[in-house]
Protein backbone atom coordinates (compact mmCIF):
# COMPACT_ATOMS: atom_id res chain seq x y z
CA MET A 1 -51.57 -2.44 20.85
CA ARG A 2 -53.30 -4.35 18.08
CA LYS A 3 -49.97 -5.68 16.82
CA ILE A 4 -49.01 -6.74 20.34
CA GLY A 5 -52.39 -8.50 20.71
CA ASN A 6 -51.89 -10.31 17.43
CA LEU A 7 -48.38 -11.28 18.48
CA ILE A 8 -49.62 -12.67 21.79
CA LEU A 9 -52.27 -14.72 19.98
CA GLN A 10 -49.67 -16.04 17.52
CA ARG A 11 -47.29 -16.99 20.32
CA LEU A 12 -50.12 -18.59 22.28
CA ALA A 13 -51.22 -20.64 19.28
CA LEU A 14 -47.64 -21.73 18.68
CA GLY A 15 -47.30 -22.65 22.34
CA LEU A 16 -50.46 -24.77 22.24
CA VAL A 17 -49.22 -26.59 19.14
CA THR A 18 -45.87 -27.15 20.84
CA LEU A 19 -47.55 -28.52 23.95
CA PHE A 20 -49.67 -30.87 21.84
CA LEU A 21 -46.58 -32.24 20.09
CA VAL A 22 -44.73 -32.54 23.41
CA SER A 23 -47.65 -34.39 24.98
CA LEU A 24 -47.64 -36.78 22.02
CA VAL A 25 -43.90 -37.41 22.44
CA ILE A 26 -44.33 -37.98 26.19
CA PHE A 27 -47.12 -40.49 25.67
CA LEU A 28 -45.31 -42.35 22.89
CA ALA A 29 -42.10 -42.49 24.93
CA ALA A 30 -44.00 -44.15 27.78
CA GLU A 31 -45.66 -46.54 25.35
CA LEU A 32 -42.33 -47.60 23.83
CA LEU A 33 -40.76 -48.47 27.18
CA PRO A 34 -40.00 -52.19 27.45
CA GLY A 35 -41.94 -54.34 29.86
CA ASP A 36 -45.56 -54.66 30.94
CA ILE A 37 -46.86 -52.20 33.53
CA ALA A 38 -49.49 -54.65 34.77
CA GLU A 39 -46.91 -57.40 35.19
CA ALA A 40 -44.53 -54.99 36.92
CA MET A 41 -47.27 -54.07 39.39
CA LEU A 42 -48.43 -57.61 40.13
CA GLY A 43 -45.13 -59.44 39.78
CA GLN A 44 -44.10 -62.32 37.59
CA SER A 45 -46.17 -64.79 39.62
CA ALA A 46 -49.45 -63.15 38.60
CA THR A 47 -51.93 -65.30 36.75
CA PRO A 48 -53.12 -64.42 33.22
CA GLU A 49 -56.61 -63.76 34.59
CA THR A 50 -55.28 -61.29 37.17
CA LEU A 51 -53.17 -59.53 34.55
CA ALA A 52 -56.14 -59.28 32.18
CA SER A 53 -58.31 -57.85 34.98
CA LEU A 54 -55.71 -55.21 35.87
CA ARG A 55 -55.18 -54.24 32.23
CA LEU A 56 -58.95 -53.81 31.90
CA GLU A 57 -59.03 -51.68 35.07
CA LEU A 58 -56.17 -49.47 33.85
CA GLY A 59 -57.57 -49.19 30.34
CA LEU A 60 -54.55 -50.91 28.82
CA ASP A 61 -56.83 -53.09 26.70
CA GLN A 62 -57.85 -50.03 24.65
CA PRO A 63 -55.94 -48.81 21.58
CA ALA A 64 -53.12 -46.37 22.24
CA TYR A 65 -54.78 -43.43 20.48
CA ILE A 66 -57.91 -43.74 22.65
CA ARG A 67 -55.82 -43.85 25.82
CA TYR A 68 -53.89 -40.82 24.60
CA MET A 69 -57.07 -38.82 23.99
CA HIS A 70 -58.42 -39.75 27.43
CA TRP A 71 -55.13 -38.78 29.07
CA LEU A 72 -54.81 -35.49 27.19
CA GLY A 73 -58.45 -34.57 27.84
CA GLY A 74 -58.02 -35.23 31.53
CA ALA A 75 -54.77 -33.25 31.66
CA VAL A 76 -56.48 -30.22 30.11
CA THR A 77 -59.08 -30.25 32.89
CA GLY A 78 -56.50 -30.90 35.61
CA ASP A 79 -57.41 -34.57 36.06
CA PHE A 80 -54.24 -36.60 35.54
CA GLY A 81 -55.76 -39.85 36.70
CA LYS A 82 -54.54 -42.02 39.55
CA SER A 83 -51.09 -43.12 40.58
CA LEU A 84 -50.35 -46.76 39.83
CA ALA A 85 -48.11 -47.04 42.88
CA THR A 86 -50.36 -45.48 45.53
CA GLY A 87 -53.81 -45.41 43.96
CA ARG A 88 -54.21 -41.76 44.97
CA PRO A 89 -55.25 -39.04 42.50
CA ILE A 90 -52.15 -37.67 40.82
CA SER A 91 -53.29 -34.09 41.38
CA GLU A 92 -53.07 -34.69 45.15
CA LEU A 93 -49.49 -35.92 44.76
CA LEU A 94 -48.48 -33.04 42.51
CA HIS A 95 -49.93 -30.12 44.48
CA PRO A 96 -47.50 -30.01 47.45
CA ARG A 97 -44.54 -31.00 45.28
CA LEU A 98 -45.38 -28.27 42.76
CA GLU A 99 -45.47 -25.68 45.54
CA ASN A 100 -42.07 -26.83 46.81
CA THR A 101 -40.49 -26.70 43.35
CA PHE A 102 -41.86 -23.21 42.67
CA PHE A 103 -40.62 -22.09 46.09
CA LEU A 104 -37.11 -23.33 45.29
CA ALA A 105 -37.19 -21.73 41.85
CA THR A 106 -38.42 -18.40 43.25
CA TYR A 107 -35.76 -18.52 45.97
CA SER A 108 -33.06 -19.05 43.34
CA ILE A 109 -34.48 -16.36 41.05
CA VAL A 110 -34.46 -13.77 43.84
CA LEU A 111 -30.80 -14.56 44.49
CA ALA A 112 -29.60 -14.99 40.92
CA VAL A 113 -31.26 -12.25 38.83
CA PRO A 114 -30.11 -9.15 40.77
CA LEU A 115 -26.66 -10.69 41.25
CA ALA A 116 -26.28 -11.57 37.57
CA ILE A 117 -27.45 -8.19 36.27
CA GLY A 118 -25.30 -6.32 38.78
CA LEU A 119 -22.19 -8.33 37.93
CA GLY A 120 -22.94 -8.03 34.21
CA VAL A 121 -23.11 -4.24 34.40
CA LEU A 122 -20.00 -4.10 36.58
CA THR A 123 -17.92 -6.26 34.25
CA ALA A 124 -19.11 -4.24 31.26
CA LEU A 125 -17.89 -1.04 32.89
CA LEU A 126 -14.61 -2.67 33.93
CA ARG A 127 -14.07 -4.62 30.72
CA ASN A 128 -10.54 -5.79 29.95
CA THR A 129 -9.45 -5.07 33.52
CA LEU A 130 -8.29 -7.60 36.10
CA PRO A 131 -11.66 -7.75 37.96
CA ASP A 132 -13.41 -8.31 34.62
CA ARG A 133 -11.10 -11.18 33.72
CA LEU A 134 -11.44 -12.75 37.16
CA LEU A 135 -15.24 -12.59 37.16
CA ASN A 136 -15.43 -13.96 33.62
CA GLY A 137 -13.07 -16.76 34.55
CA VAL A 138 -15.24 -17.66 37.53
CA ALA A 139 -18.35 -17.50 35.32
CA LEU A 140 -16.84 -19.79 32.68
CA THR A 141 -15.78 -22.22 35.40
CA ALA A 142 -19.29 -22.23 36.88
CA ILE A 143 -20.79 -22.88 33.44
CA SER A 144 -18.48 -25.84 32.84
CA PHE A 145 -19.39 -27.59 36.11
CA PRO A 146 -22.51 -29.79 36.15
CA GLU A 147 -25.13 -29.18 38.81
CA PHE A 148 -24.38 -32.28 40.85
CA PHE A 149 -20.69 -31.36 41.08
CA VAL A 150 -21.52 -27.87 42.38
CA ALA A 151 -24.02 -29.42 44.79
CA TYR A 152 -21.49 -31.86 46.25
CA ILE A 153 -18.85 -29.13 46.57
CA LEU A 154 -21.31 -27.02 48.57
CA ILE A 155 -22.22 -30.03 50.71
CA CYS A 156 -18.55 -30.60 51.51
CA ALA A 157 -17.95 -26.91 52.21
CA LEU A 158 -21.11 -25.90 54.06
CA ALA A 159 -23.04 -29.01 55.10
CA GLN A 160 -20.31 -31.20 56.58
CA THR A 161 -19.25 -28.27 58.75
CA GLY A 162 -22.77 -28.10 60.15
CA ILE A 163 -23.59 -24.64 58.82
CA PHE A 164 -26.46 -25.81 56.61
CA PRO A 165 -28.30 -29.15 56.32
CA SER A 166 -27.35 -31.44 53.45
CA MET A 167 -30.89 -32.87 53.27
CA THR A 168 -33.83 -30.53 52.83
CA ARG A 169 -36.68 -30.90 55.29
CA LEU A 170 -39.58 -28.51 54.70
CA THR A 171 -41.53 -29.14 57.89
CA PRO A 172 -45.02 -27.58 58.05
CA GLY A 173 -45.19 -24.74 60.54
CA GLY A 174 -41.48 -24.05 60.28
CA GLY A 175 -42.13 -20.54 59.00
CA LEU A 176 -40.51 -18.71 56.11
CA GLY A 177 -37.19 -18.48 57.94
CA GLY A 178 -37.04 -22.24 58.41
CA TYR A 179 -37.89 -22.83 54.75
CA LEU A 180 -35.22 -20.38 53.58
CA TYR A 181 -32.59 -21.96 55.85
CA SER A 182 -33.41 -25.54 54.92
CA ALA A 183 -33.52 -24.83 51.17
CA PHE A 184 -30.48 -22.56 51.08
CA LEU A 185 -27.98 -25.08 49.65
CA PRO A 186 -30.14 -26.26 46.72
CA ALA A 187 -31.08 -22.63 46.00
CA LEU A 188 -27.41 -21.61 46.11
CA THR A 189 -26.50 -24.46 43.77
CA LEU A 190 -29.05 -23.34 41.19
CA THR A 191 -28.00 -19.70 41.66
CA MET A 192 -24.37 -20.50 40.92
CA VAL A 193 -25.33 -22.50 37.84
CA VAL A 194 -27.58 -19.88 36.19
CA THR A 195 -25.92 -16.65 37.33
CA ALA A 196 -22.96 -17.09 34.99
CA HIS A 197 -25.15 -17.32 31.86
CA MET A 198 -27.18 -14.25 32.77
CA MET A 199 -24.11 -12.26 33.79
CA ARG A 200 -22.29 -12.88 30.52
CA MET A 201 -25.36 -12.02 28.43
CA THR A 202 -25.89 -8.81 30.40
CA ARG A 203 -22.22 -7.90 29.97
CA ALA A 204 -22.34 -8.51 26.20
CA ALA A 205 -25.55 -6.48 25.78
CA ILE A 206 -24.19 -3.51 27.77
CA ILE A 207 -20.84 -3.53 25.95
CA ASN A 208 -22.60 -3.48 22.56
CA LEU A 209 -24.65 -0.48 23.64
CA LEU A 210 -21.73 1.42 25.13
CA ALA A 211 -20.17 1.65 21.67
CA LEU A 212 -23.21 3.38 20.14
CA PRO A 213 -23.10 7.12 19.31
CA TYR A 214 -25.85 8.24 21.71
CA ILE A 215 -24.00 6.61 24.62
CA GLU A 216 -20.77 8.32 23.61
CA MET A 217 -22.67 11.62 23.49
CA ALA A 218 -23.92 11.01 27.02
CA TRP A 219 -20.32 10.47 28.17
CA LEU A 220 -19.23 13.67 26.42
CA LYS A 221 -21.97 15.63 28.20
CA GLY A 222 -20.32 14.68 31.49
CA MET A 223 -22.93 12.24 32.76
CA THR A 224 -21.88 9.88 35.51
CA SER A 225 -21.39 6.19 34.77
CA SER A 226 -24.36 5.15 36.87
CA ARG A 227 -26.65 7.64 35.08
CA VAL A 228 -25.47 6.51 31.63
CA ILE A 229 -26.03 2.85 32.49
CA VAL A 230 -29.37 3.19 34.30
CA ILE A 231 -31.03 5.77 32.04
CA HIS A 232 -29.53 5.19 28.60
CA ALA A 233 -27.92 1.75 28.33
CA LEU A 234 -29.85 -0.66 30.53
CA PRO A 235 -33.39 0.11 29.20
CA ASN A 236 -32.23 -0.61 25.64
CA ALA A 237 -30.50 -3.81 26.73
CA LEU A 238 -33.60 -5.23 28.44
CA ALA A 239 -34.79 -7.30 25.46
CA PRO A 240 -31.80 -9.71 25.33
CA ILE A 241 -31.50 -9.66 29.12
CA ILE A 242 -35.17 -10.59 29.55
CA THR A 243 -34.75 -13.44 27.06
CA VAL A 244 -31.78 -15.00 28.84
CA VAL A 245 -33.38 -14.45 32.25
CA ALA A 246 -36.56 -16.17 31.07
CA ILE A 247 -34.60 -19.12 29.69
CA ASN A 248 -32.80 -19.53 33.01
CA ILE A 249 -36.02 -19.14 35.01
CA ALA A 250 -37.58 -21.88 32.90
CA TYR A 251 -34.52 -24.01 33.60
CA LEU A 252 -34.83 -23.36 37.34
CA ILE A 253 -38.37 -24.71 37.32
CA THR A 254 -37.96 -27.56 34.85
CA GLY A 255 -34.32 -28.51 35.35
CA VAL A 256 -34.21 -28.99 39.09
CA VAL A 257 -34.37 -32.79 38.96
CA ILE A 258 -30.67 -33.42 39.68
CA VAL A 259 -30.48 -30.80 42.42
CA GLU A 260 -33.62 -32.10 44.11
CA VAL A 261 -32.28 -35.65 44.06
CA VAL A 262 -28.90 -34.63 45.54
CA PHE A 263 -30.48 -32.68 48.41
CA VAL A 264 -33.54 -34.99 48.75
CA TYR A 265 -35.71 -31.96 48.14
CA PRO A 266 -39.45 -32.82 48.13
CA GLY A 267 -40.26 -31.31 44.75
CA LEU A 268 -41.48 -32.44 41.36
CA GLY A 269 -38.02 -33.57 40.27
CA GLN A 270 -37.66 -35.94 43.22
CA LEU A 271 -41.19 -37.24 42.66
CA MET A 272 -40.40 -37.89 39.00
CA VAL A 273 -37.29 -39.92 39.85
CA ASP A 274 -39.19 -41.93 42.49
CA SER A 275 -42.03 -42.56 40.03
CA VAL A 276 -39.63 -43.77 37.34
CA SER A 277 -38.10 -46.27 39.76
CA ARG A 278 -41.61 -47.55 40.59
CA ARG A 279 -42.73 -47.53 36.93
CA ASP A 280 -45.53 -45.15 37.87
CA MET A 281 -45.76 -43.78 34.34
CA PRO A 282 -48.95 -41.67 34.75
CA VAL A 283 -47.14 -39.57 37.36
CA VAL A 284 -44.03 -39.29 35.17
CA GLN A 285 -46.12 -38.21 32.18
CA SER A 286 -47.99 -35.63 34.24
CA ILE A 287 -44.81 -34.06 35.62
CA ALA A 288 -43.20 -33.96 32.18
CA LEU A 289 -46.28 -32.21 30.77
CA ILE A 290 -46.24 -29.66 33.61
CA PHE A 291 -42.57 -28.93 32.97
CA ALA A 292 -43.23 -28.48 29.25
CA ALA A 293 -46.21 -26.16 29.87
CA THR A 294 -44.15 -24.06 32.29
CA TYR A 295 -41.30 -23.74 29.81
CA VAL A 296 -43.63 -22.69 26.98
CA LEU A 297 -45.48 -20.17 29.18
CA ILE A 298 -42.29 -18.52 30.44
CA ASN A 299 -40.92 -18.21 26.92
CA LEU A 300 -44.23 -16.66 25.81
CA LEU A 301 -43.97 -14.07 28.59
CA ALA A 302 -40.35 -13.39 27.65
CA ASP A 303 -41.31 -12.70 24.02
CA VAL A 304 -44.05 -10.28 25.04
CA LEU A 305 -41.88 -8.45 27.59
CA SER A 306 -39.01 -8.18 25.11
CA ILE A 307 -41.28 -6.51 22.57
CA LEU A 308 -42.82 -4.20 25.16
CA THR A 309 -39.35 -3.01 26.16
CA ASN A 310 -38.24 -2.71 22.52
CA PRO A 311 -41.21 -1.97 20.21
CA ARG A 312 -38.88 -2.01 17.18
CA LEU A 313 -39.09 -5.81 17.29
CA LEU A 314 -42.67 -5.48 16.05
CA HIS A 315 -41.48 -4.14 12.71
CA THR A 316 -39.71 -6.59 10.46
CA LYS A 317 -37.11 -5.26 8.06
């Protein structure tokens, strides 16, 4: 347990350093963008006095490193400042959008993870057969298609026929059933994109284990295929499976921008695109930092779970 505690502290320290560097990159990227935010807000007809007053109000007259420290300190406490476009606190804008994005990601995870692991185990058992080749072909095809292409194919197939809506409307009071129905197409798009990666990793991990001596001994003892997979193979394959599942879960939360734009889904990705078009950089910076923190946290959890399922990873050779 002490080694696991030390490992968690090391990973947490590394994650904090990573987040600090990412926050620095995010801030510098916004600083290096061409144009003047104050002039973009007031228009080209603004007077120099008005521009100077707005820059003073926004703190743009201060050096960049001071503004960065103020922004980072506020972000740590949950205060991201105010939106330049609406004047509202950014935390108020982010809260409902964050809930919607996590709902979509959870919806996709519930669909994708059991499907991917089940298909991975099935193709491992049926390797080099026709069903295995067909499923792997479909998986490779799904991997090669970008998200927006899959989204538009589903819109043509399921939305234009009236089965599901092409634009997501999460109306308050609609109930869980209404949310699941309205968000089905974006969730299905993300499921199709990430299932192939997880399925192929699960298949590879199971096939590697099936060639080991203790698995062959289990076959020779007359155990059924399901018992060999569930009791002997799958527990020892959890470490690589957890890693690839965590990577895809992080992608579902942080990489939903394109899917949210296609389906007009009211999440963080759509808010980020709208904020970029309005040059509302504080909102863009806040969303980028949230995405980075989520990605780091999920990878930290994946490392810990991988080691808990395979304690041999604690001991270096």
